[in-house]
Amino acid sequence: MKQKIKKIPYTVVGDGNQTRDFTFVSDVAEAFYEAGKKNISGEIFNVGSGKSISINKIVKLLKGSKINIPKRPGEPDKTFANINKIKRDLGWYPKINIQTGIKILLDNISYWKDAPLWTPKKIKVATKTWFKYLR
């Protein structure tokens, strides 16, 4: 978000075709709340949207340009949460879709004004050890 505020391209790790399961924070909080109301000690639930969205789609929704940096070793191409159990056992499901979540994020972008600005150079320094051991 700091890159959007500064009007500089988003830094995308890899080609941007990798997908992730993005979940809005209020949905996560509600999942915790629902779990807290039940006697389910020791149960494990996946919390997510149950859908994978590409990083390139996120960039498109954020309306920005991008620069790509090399993919990190060991980083998966696709992640998503199987939320069947939490829907069945807790009646929980995500309410904020990715488009609405991005709109809320952009409506509140001022919250990010003091966030650090990650650049390709800063990322390279921060992940130097990671690359050393994961190659």
Foldseek 3Di string as FASTA:
>chain_A
DLCVVVQHAAEAEAPQQFWEFDAAPVLVVVLVVLVVVDPDPPDDFDGTQQDIDTSVVVCVLLVHHHDYDYHFFPDDRYDDGDGPVSCVPRVGHGDADPNNRSVVCVVPVVVCNPPDDDDPVNVCVVCVVSNVPRD
